[in-house]
Every structure is written in structure tokens, then in C-alpha cells.
Amino acid sequence: MSELQIYLLAGGAVFIAAVIGYNVWQERRARGRAEEAFGERPADALFDAPPTERREPTLGALPASGGLDETLPPLPRRVKAEELEAPGGPSAEISGRIDTVAVILADDPVMSEHLEPLLAVLATRSTPVHVEGIVDEQWHPIETSPRRSWRELRVGLQLASRAGPVGEDEIEIFNLAIADFAASVGAVSQREAPNAAATRGRELDRFCADADIEVAVNVIGQFGATFALARVKSLALENGLSETAAGELVSFADDGSQEFVVRRFDDPQAKSSSQYYTGLTFALDLPQASDPATSLADMVRLARGFADQLGGQLVDDNRRPLTEAGVASIRRSLEKIVGEMETHGIPAGGPLARRLFS
């Protein structure tokens, strides 16, 4: 090879390298301009994506068909009670706060007569049960429903009352009755797991124990004096109280709910005579009172009026004179419990409280 050929080859190599370098420079320059205009280049879907937590595929919401009939697993403890509730009509009673709720979904309408076997089974249990159906996208008790057939029903078993919490075995019987009924009408159902429902029932019972307070003040005769029954009843009628079949004298609020009762003071000597009282107890059932603060004020005012007119003395349960400071202390305790009931979504005097504290 001649010297000229060597020079030509070397020059060609340099030229090619220069062209490649120029192209690379131009490409980088163009990419820089594009990134300035549109932002950085997105990551490659296969190779550049950052590692993420593995997620298993899910089916999403299951359709209400295909023979599904299942007991729901225990709910996470952070789930709020209101998340268990469907939209309710003005007369709806069932609530996930105090009930374990079973839902029944049917392709064909379930007639009211179809429900009779289920209602008969549920009626054999002592635990309160409510049944509601969907009408115009709202729940209505079947007793007062504007329609007599439903494609969607829900049944609520109350988890606690003043008698205590419902046991897991009772919930299992309830779930079995719902499942059997759904199968008999070609419907599907969903029910809460018995152990989860029983746990909620025990928690609800603890709440009941803390909030189930009777606030009472007493009027007793001074120096052993007694109050004539006829005089007590006369004063009660003058002040708008009503007498019940049990002999209690009741004050009713403007909305018709019970405010407080007046009864014989719990004294063994008082029970020996039906015509004379050694004392009177004015008692407010706090969870049942629609306006506990107002009811307390009304009750104390009336008790003081009775004490003045009967020649008695206002005292606490230990027969110690009840002063203004003592009444203020009672009021603070009452307000604290009322606040806790509000926090739990079971306001004093509301429908849920009246069901729960019965």
C-alpha cells in the first residue's frame, strides 16, 4: 500500500468519526430542547419503573348473583360504625352502631307473605330484631313500608341491651336463619362473622355500663316527718305530672318523652305504709332523656318546690343536704356522659339510645 493510500484511509476515518460526533451532539441538543419544552422523558414501562409493593389481583365488587351467600370476615377495627349503614328513610331503625346487619338481595321481589317463616323463627328469640326493605332507595320497616314486596332487605339483630351483650351462639343462629331464608326464596345474603359481631356486642355493653346512669335527688321529711300520699299526688297533679299503673308519678317533656319520675324513697320504713311516705325520689333516666340538662334543671326545681310545700329537705342518696355546689357537680357529670354518648353516635334520648337502654 502506498503512502498516499494510507493518508486517504486515515483522513476517511477522521471524517467518519467527526460525522458521528456531530450527530451525537445534535441529538443531545435536540433532546435538551425537548425536555425544556415538555419535561423529562417518562420512565420506560418495563425497565425504568421504580419497584412497588406487590399487589394481588382482585375481583372488585361482586355482583349480587351467582348464588353468593357468605358470612363476612371480621371487620378491621378502624372501620367506623356508620360505614356499615345503608341510606335510611325517616322511619328506619336498623343501625350498624348497635345491630349486626344481614343483607338479603333477590332477583325476584320477595313478597310480604314470603317473609312470614323468617319472622316466625326470629320471633322465638328474645333478642330484638328489626326487618327493613328498600323502597325508592330508602330503607323502611316492613310493617310500615309503602310497598309489600322488596328486592333488597336487611335484618338487624341488636347486639346489646340492659340485659347484657348478645352471645356468639345467638348470632350464629341468627345468621343461619338468614341463610336458610335466602336459599328458600332464591336470594343471596351477606352476614357479619359471629365472632366479630360478638366482639362489637361486648364493646357496646361496656359503653352501656358507663353511660347507663340514673340521676336522682331526694326529698325527705325532717325530724322523722312523713308525707301523706294524697298530698303528694295532689302536688304532682298541680305540677303537671301523670300517674302510671305502677304508681310512679311521671313528668313528660314537650315532645312527649319521659323527663323524670317521682317515686317512693327507697327506705324500708316507707314500705310498711301505703298511705305515707318517709321521702320521695326524683329520678332522671339519663340515656332516655331527650334533653338531659333541661330535664335535670326541671327536676331539681320541682323537688325543691315539693320540699318547701311538704316541709321536707332536699338530700342526696346518703341523706346529706344537697347544696347548689352538689347540684353543679351532678350537672357536670351529666354533661360529660351526654358528650360521650354524642361521640359514640348514640345521643341521649335518641332512637338508638332508647333501643339500647331498654
Foldseek 3Di string as FASTA:
>chain_A
DDPVVVVVVVVVVVVVVVVVVVVVVVVVVVQVVVCVVPNDDDADPPPRDDDDDDDDDDPPDDDFDDQAAEEDEFDPPPDAQQVVDFAADPADQDGSLFWFKKKKAAPDWDFQVLCVVLVVQVVVDPFDKFKWADDPRHTDGCVPDPDGIHRMMMMTTGQAAPVAGDALVVQVSNSVSVCVSNVVRVIYMYGYRSVNSNVSSNVVRVLCVLLFDKDKKKWFAPPQDKAFPVVVVVLLVVVPWDADPVGWTFDADPVRFTLWIKDAQPDVVQVVDPGIGRMIMIIGRFLQHPDNLVSLVVSVVSNVVCCVVRVTAMAHNVRHGQDPVNSVVVSVVSVVSQVVCVVSVRHRNDSVSVVRHD
